[in-house]
Amino acid sequence: MKHLKIILSTFVLLVSLTACNSNTSKHTTADLAFFQCPMQCEGNKTYSKEGSCPICKMDLKQLEGTSKTIETDDISEASIFNLTSKWHTEEGNEILLKDLKGKTLVVVMIYTSCKAACPRLVADMRNIEAKIPAKNINNVQFALVSIDPETDTPQRLKAFAIENEMDGSQWTFLQGTESGVREFANVLSVKYKEISPIDFSHSNIISVFNAKGELQYQQEGLGVDNKDTIETILQLSH
């Protein structure tokens, strides 16, 4: 009987811990109050707990209307960062899509040997980039993903980036595997089909993702009004 009680007690404890852990995982943000010395002895330095200034010893004062949200690294089921395919950048570095996490992501799928739609898509991307203010641009990453990974090697993508003056840090070119590219295209609802060894038919879509990789907006067509695209990027990258 004594052993039975011990077993039951252990079981209850494990269930309780599991429940606690489960509840904790659901909380992805937490609001904190911030405190500061009323004499600002340390300038604008703030503290997350009540106490006294280490210099003048006065009680720290809670700052009104100032709180910060701490976000975890959790990503939702809708995030493209769940995809595990590997990619090579134009610099030859191997990355996962989740390595692009943290910035507003603007994506288009092209191929460098295209002579029709892709040059216009590239122009559309450059036009969008040109309308993003300097204060926002550091929070935005533009990614051009090749639908012809066999031809578009990192070296070729690098040359293409330089030729089109898209070799700044805000630009990234990606070469994946055939299956990885197809999977990514399906997520973006981009359709493409090889119609000859160097020619593809494809959708003309520019997609905007938030910093967690969740799709927020898509611009369809060539040379279309990009007002809503710009507005979405500015809202996400402020």
Protein backbone atom coordinates (compact mmCIF):
# COMPACT_ATOMS: atom_id res chain seq x y z
CA MET A 1 0.00 0.00 0.00
CA LYS A 2 2.86 2.30 0.90
CA HIS A 3 4.51 1.67 -2.47
CA LEU A 4 1.23 2.39 -4.23
CA LYS A 5 0.96 5.78 -2.50
CA ILE A 6 4.50 6.67 -3.57
CA ILE A 7 3.76 5.70 -7.17
CA LEU A 8 0.54 7.73 -7.19
CA SER A 9 2.28 10.74 -5.63
CA THR A 10 5.03 10.60 -8.25
CA PHE A 11 2.47 10.36 -11.05
CA VAL A 12 0.55 13.39 -9.76
CA LEU A 13 3.78 15.39 -9.52
CA LEU A 14 4.78 14.53 -13.08
CA VAL A 15 1.33 15.48 -14.38
CA SER A 16 1.53 18.78 -12.51
CA LEU A 17 4.96 19.58 -13.95
CA THR A 18 3.80 18.69 -17.45
CA ALA A 19 0.78 20.96 -17.07
CA CYS A 20 2.97 23.79 -15.82
CA ASN A 21 5.37 23.40 -18.70
CA SER A 22 2.50 23.29 -21.17
CA ASN A 23 0.99 26.48 -19.81
CA THR A 24 4.35 28.21 -19.84
CA SER A 25 4.94 27.42 -23.50
CA LYS A 26 1.74 29.20 -24.45
CA HIS A 27 3.00 32.52 -23.08
CA THR A 28 5.25 34.07 -25.69
CA THR A 29 5.31 37.65 -24.45
CA ALA A 30 5.63 39.44 -21.14
CA ASP A 31 5.17 43.11 -20.29
CA LEU A 32 7.71 44.68 -17.94
CA ALA A 33 7.63 47.97 -16.04
CA PHE A 34 10.79 50.07 -16.21
CA PHE A 35 12.33 52.27 -13.51
CA GLN A 36 14.76 55.16 -13.65
CA CYS A 37 16.57 57.49 -11.24
CA PRO A 38 14.54 60.74 -10.95
CA MET A 39 17.83 62.66 -11.07
CA GLN A 40 18.98 60.65 -14.11
CA CYS A 41 22.38 60.11 -12.51
CA GLU A 42 23.11 57.46 -15.14
CA GLY A 43 21.49 59.27 -18.03
CA ASN A 44 18.68 57.28 -19.62
CA LYS A 45 19.64 53.96 -18.02
CA THR A 46 16.61 52.01 -16.81
CA TYR A 47 16.01 49.06 -14.49
CA SER A 48 13.41 46.31 -14.68
CA LYS A 49 12.96 46.15 -10.89
CA GLU A 50 12.18 48.62 -8.13
CA GLY A 51 15.07 49.80 -5.99
CA SER A 52 17.32 52.76 -5.40
CA CYS A 53 19.83 54.58 -7.57
CA PRO A 54 23.32 53.17 -6.94
CA ILE A 55 24.74 56.72 -7.11
CA CYS A 56 22.38 59.12 -5.30
CA LYS A 57 20.46 56.37 -3.43
CA MET A 58 17.07 57.93 -4.30
CA ASP A 59 14.19 55.54 -5.01
CA LEU A 60 13.87 54.64 -8.65
CA LYS A 61 10.74 56.02 -10.31
CA GLN A 62 8.56 53.91 -12.57
CA LEU A 63 8.42 55.31 -16.08
CA GLU A 64 4.88 55.94 -17.24
CA GLY A 65 3.77 54.45 -20.50
CA THR A 66 7.03 52.61 -21.00
CA SER A 67 6.99 48.87 -21.14
CA LYS A 68 8.71 46.45 -23.38
CA THR A 69 7.52 43.21 -24.83
CA ILE A 70 9.90 40.32 -24.62
CA GLU A 71 9.33 37.87 -27.45
CA THR A 72 10.45 34.30 -27.45
CA ASP A 73 11.97 32.52 -30.42
CA ASP A 74 8.73 30.62 -31.00
CA ILE A 75 7.35 30.70 -34.53
CA SER A 76 3.82 29.90 -35.60
CA GLU A 77 2.71 27.03 -37.79
CA ALA A 78 2.14 29.56 -40.58
CA SER A 79 5.79 30.66 -40.66
CA ILE A 80 8.03 29.84 -43.61
CA PHE A 81 10.82 29.41 -41.06
CA ASN A 82 9.40 25.95 -40.34
CA LEU A 83 10.76 24.82 -43.71
CA THR A 84 13.98 22.85 -43.25
CA SER A 85 15.34 23.05 -46.81
CA LYS A 86 18.91 24.31 -47.21
CA TRP A 87 19.89 27.21 -49.46
CA HIS A 88 23.04 28.82 -50.80
CA THR A 89 23.38 32.59 -50.97
CA GLU A 90 25.12 34.47 -53.77
CA GLU A 91 28.14 34.56 -51.45
CA GLY A 92 28.20 30.75 -51.31
CA ASN A 93 27.03 30.52 -47.69
CA GLU A 94 24.65 27.71 -46.72
CA ILE A 95 21.62 28.90 -44.76
CA LEU A 96 18.15 27.89 -43.66
CA LEU A 97 15.20 30.21 -44.20
CA LYS A 98 15.00 30.77 -40.45
CA ASP A 99 18.40 32.47 -40.68
CA LEU A 100 16.50 35.37 -42.29
CA LYS A 101 14.35 35.73 -39.20
CA GLY A 102 14.15 39.11 -37.50
CA LYS A 103 13.56 41.42 -40.46
CA THR A 104 10.64 42.18 -42.74
CA LEU A 105 11.20 39.85 -45.68
CA VAL A 106 10.29 40.76 -49.27
CA VAL A 107 10.53 37.78 -51.62
CA VAL A 108 10.26 37.20 -55.34
CA MET A 109 11.00 34.07 -57.39
CA ILE A 110 12.90 34.58 -60.66
CA TYR A 111 15.63 33.01 -62.82
CA THR A 112 18.59 34.90 -64.19
CA SER A 113 18.35 33.81 -67.83
CA CYS A 114 14.78 35.09 -68.12
CA LYS A 115 14.34 37.76 -70.79
CA ALA A 116 10.67 38.62 -70.33
CA ALA A 117 8.94 38.80 -66.95
CA CYS A 118 11.91 38.52 -64.58
CA PRO A 119 13.65 41.78 -65.60
CA ARG A 120 10.37 43.55 -64.82
CA LEU A 121 10.06 41.75 -61.48
CA VAL A 122 13.61 42.81 -60.65
CA ALA A 123 12.71 46.38 -61.58
CA ASP A 124 9.63 46.15 -59.35
CA MET A 125 11.80 44.97 -56.43
CA ARG A 126 14.25 47.82 -56.96
CA ASN A 127 11.38 50.28 -57.18
CA ILE A 128 10.01 49.02 -53.86
CA GLU A 129 13.44 49.19 -52.22
CA ALA A 130 13.92 52.77 -53.45
CA LYS A 131 10.73 53.88 -51.68
CA ILE A 132 11.74 52.53 -48.27
CA PRO A 133 13.13 55.32 -46.03
CA ALA A 134 16.65 54.97 -44.67
CA LYS A 135 15.30 54.59 -41.13
CA ASN A 136 13.41 51.45 -42.19
CA ILE A 137 15.79 49.84 -44.65
CA ASN A 138 17.97 48.18 -42.00
CA ASN A 139 14.89 46.23 -40.87
CA VAL A 140 14.07 44.93 -44.35
CA GLN A 141 15.62 42.06 -46.31
CA PHE A 142 14.91 41.57 -50.01
CA ALA A 143 15.32 37.99 -51.22
CA LEU A 144 15.34 36.79 -54.83
CA VAL A 145 14.90 33.03 -55.06
CA SER A 146 15.89 31.19 -58.24
CA ILE A 147 13.45 28.73 -59.79
CA ASP A 148 16.32 27.38 -61.90
CA PRO A 149 18.82 26.16 -59.29
CA GLU A 150 20.76 24.05 -61.79
CA THR A 151 21.74 27.10 -63.83
CA ASP A 152 21.69 29.76 -61.14
CA THR A 153 24.75 28.85 -59.13
CA PRO A 154 25.89 31.16 -56.32
CA GLN A 155 28.55 32.53 -58.69
CA ARG A 156 25.96 33.32 -61.35
CA LEU A 157 23.64 34.89 -58.77
CA LYS A 158 26.51 37.04 -57.49
CA ALA A 159 27.27 38.29 -61.00
CA PHE A 160 23.56 38.99 -61.55
CA ALA A 161 23.39 40.94 -58.27
CA ILE A 162 26.35 43.11 -59.25
CA GLU A 163 25.05 43.64 -62.78
CA ASN A 164 21.69 44.84 -61.42
CA GLU A 165 23.23 46.92 -58.60
CA MET A 166 21.59 44.68 -55.99
CA ASP A 167 24.69 43.61 -54.08
CA GLY A 168 24.06 45.67 -50.94
CA SER A 169 23.44 44.04 -47.56
CA GLN A 170 19.66 44.44 -47.93
CA TRP A 171 19.69 42.07 -50.93
CA THR A 172 19.97 38.27 -50.77
CA PHE A 173 19.89 35.78 -53.65
CA LEU A 174 19.09 32.14 -52.94
CA GLN A 175 19.82 28.91 -54.76
CA GLY A 176 18.08 25.82 -53.39
CA THR A 177 17.51 22.24 -54.41
CA GLU A 178 14.80 21.30 -56.91
CA SER A 179 12.60 19.94 -54.12
CA GLY A 180 13.31 22.87 -51.81
CA VAL A 181 12.43 25.42 -54.48
CA ARG A 182 9.23 23.55 -55.36
CA GLU A 183 8.20 23.36 -51.71
CA PHE A 184 8.86 27.07 -51.18
CA ALA A 185 6.96 27.98 -54.36
CA ASN A 186 3.95 25.98 -53.18
CA VAL A 187 3.94 27.87 -49.88
CA LEU A 188 3.94 31.18 -51.79
CA SER A 189 1.33 29.92 -54.30
CA VAL A 190 3.86 30.59 -57.05
CA LYS A 191 3.42 28.33 -60.06
CA TYR A 192 6.27 27.65 -62.48
CA LYS A 193 6.95 25.18 -65.28
CA GLU A 194 10.00 24.48 -67.38
CA ILE A 195 9.10 24.89 -71.04
CA SER A 196 12.64 24.51 -72.38
CA PRO A 197 16.10 23.92 -70.86
CA ILE A 198 16.55 27.68 -70.31
CA ASP A 199 12.99 28.96 -70.17
CA PHE A 200 10.21 28.83 -67.58
CA SER A 201 6.66 30.07 -67.34
CA HIS A 202 5.92 31.35 -63.83
CA SER A 203 3.72 33.46 -61.59
CA ASN A 204 4.67 37.09 -61.02
CA ILE A 205 4.25 37.53 -57.27
CA ILE A 206 6.14 39.59 -54.70
CA SER A 207 5.49 38.42 -51.14
CA VAL A 208 5.94 40.34 -47.88
CA PHE A 209 6.56 38.47 -44.61
CA ASN A 210 6.82 39.79 -41.09
CA ALA A 211 9.91 39.22 -38.94
CA LYS A 212 8.55 35.81 -37.85
CA GLY A 213 8.12 34.59 -41.41
CA GLU A 214 4.33 34.92 -41.60
CA LEU A 215 2.89 36.04 -44.94
CA GLN A 216 1.34 39.50 -44.70
CA TYR A 217 0.78 40.66 -48.27
CA GLN A 218 1.29 39.66 -51.90
CA GLN A 219 1.66 41.90 -54.92
CA GLU A 220 0.63 40.19 -58.15
CA GLY A 221 1.44 41.30 -61.69
CA LEU A 222 4.16 43.29 -63.41
CA GLY A 223 4.64 47.02 -63.00
CA VAL A 224 1.54 47.30 -60.81
CA ASP A 225 0.82 50.01 -58.23
CA ASN A 226 2.95 49.10 -55.21
CA LYS A 227 1.35 51.51 -52.74
CA ASP A 228 -0.11 48.73 -50.57
CA THR A 229 3.15 46.79 -50.70
CA ILE A 230 5.13 49.81 -49.50
CA GLU A 231 2.57 50.54 -46.77
CA THR A 232 2.76 46.96 -45.51
CA ILE A 233 6.58 47.03 -45.42
CA LEU A 234 6.62 50.34 -43.57
CA GLN A 235 4.15 49.09 -40.97
CA LEU A 236 6.22 45.98 -40.33
CA SER A 237 9.66 47.63 -40.33
CA HIS A 238 9.10 50.78 -38.28
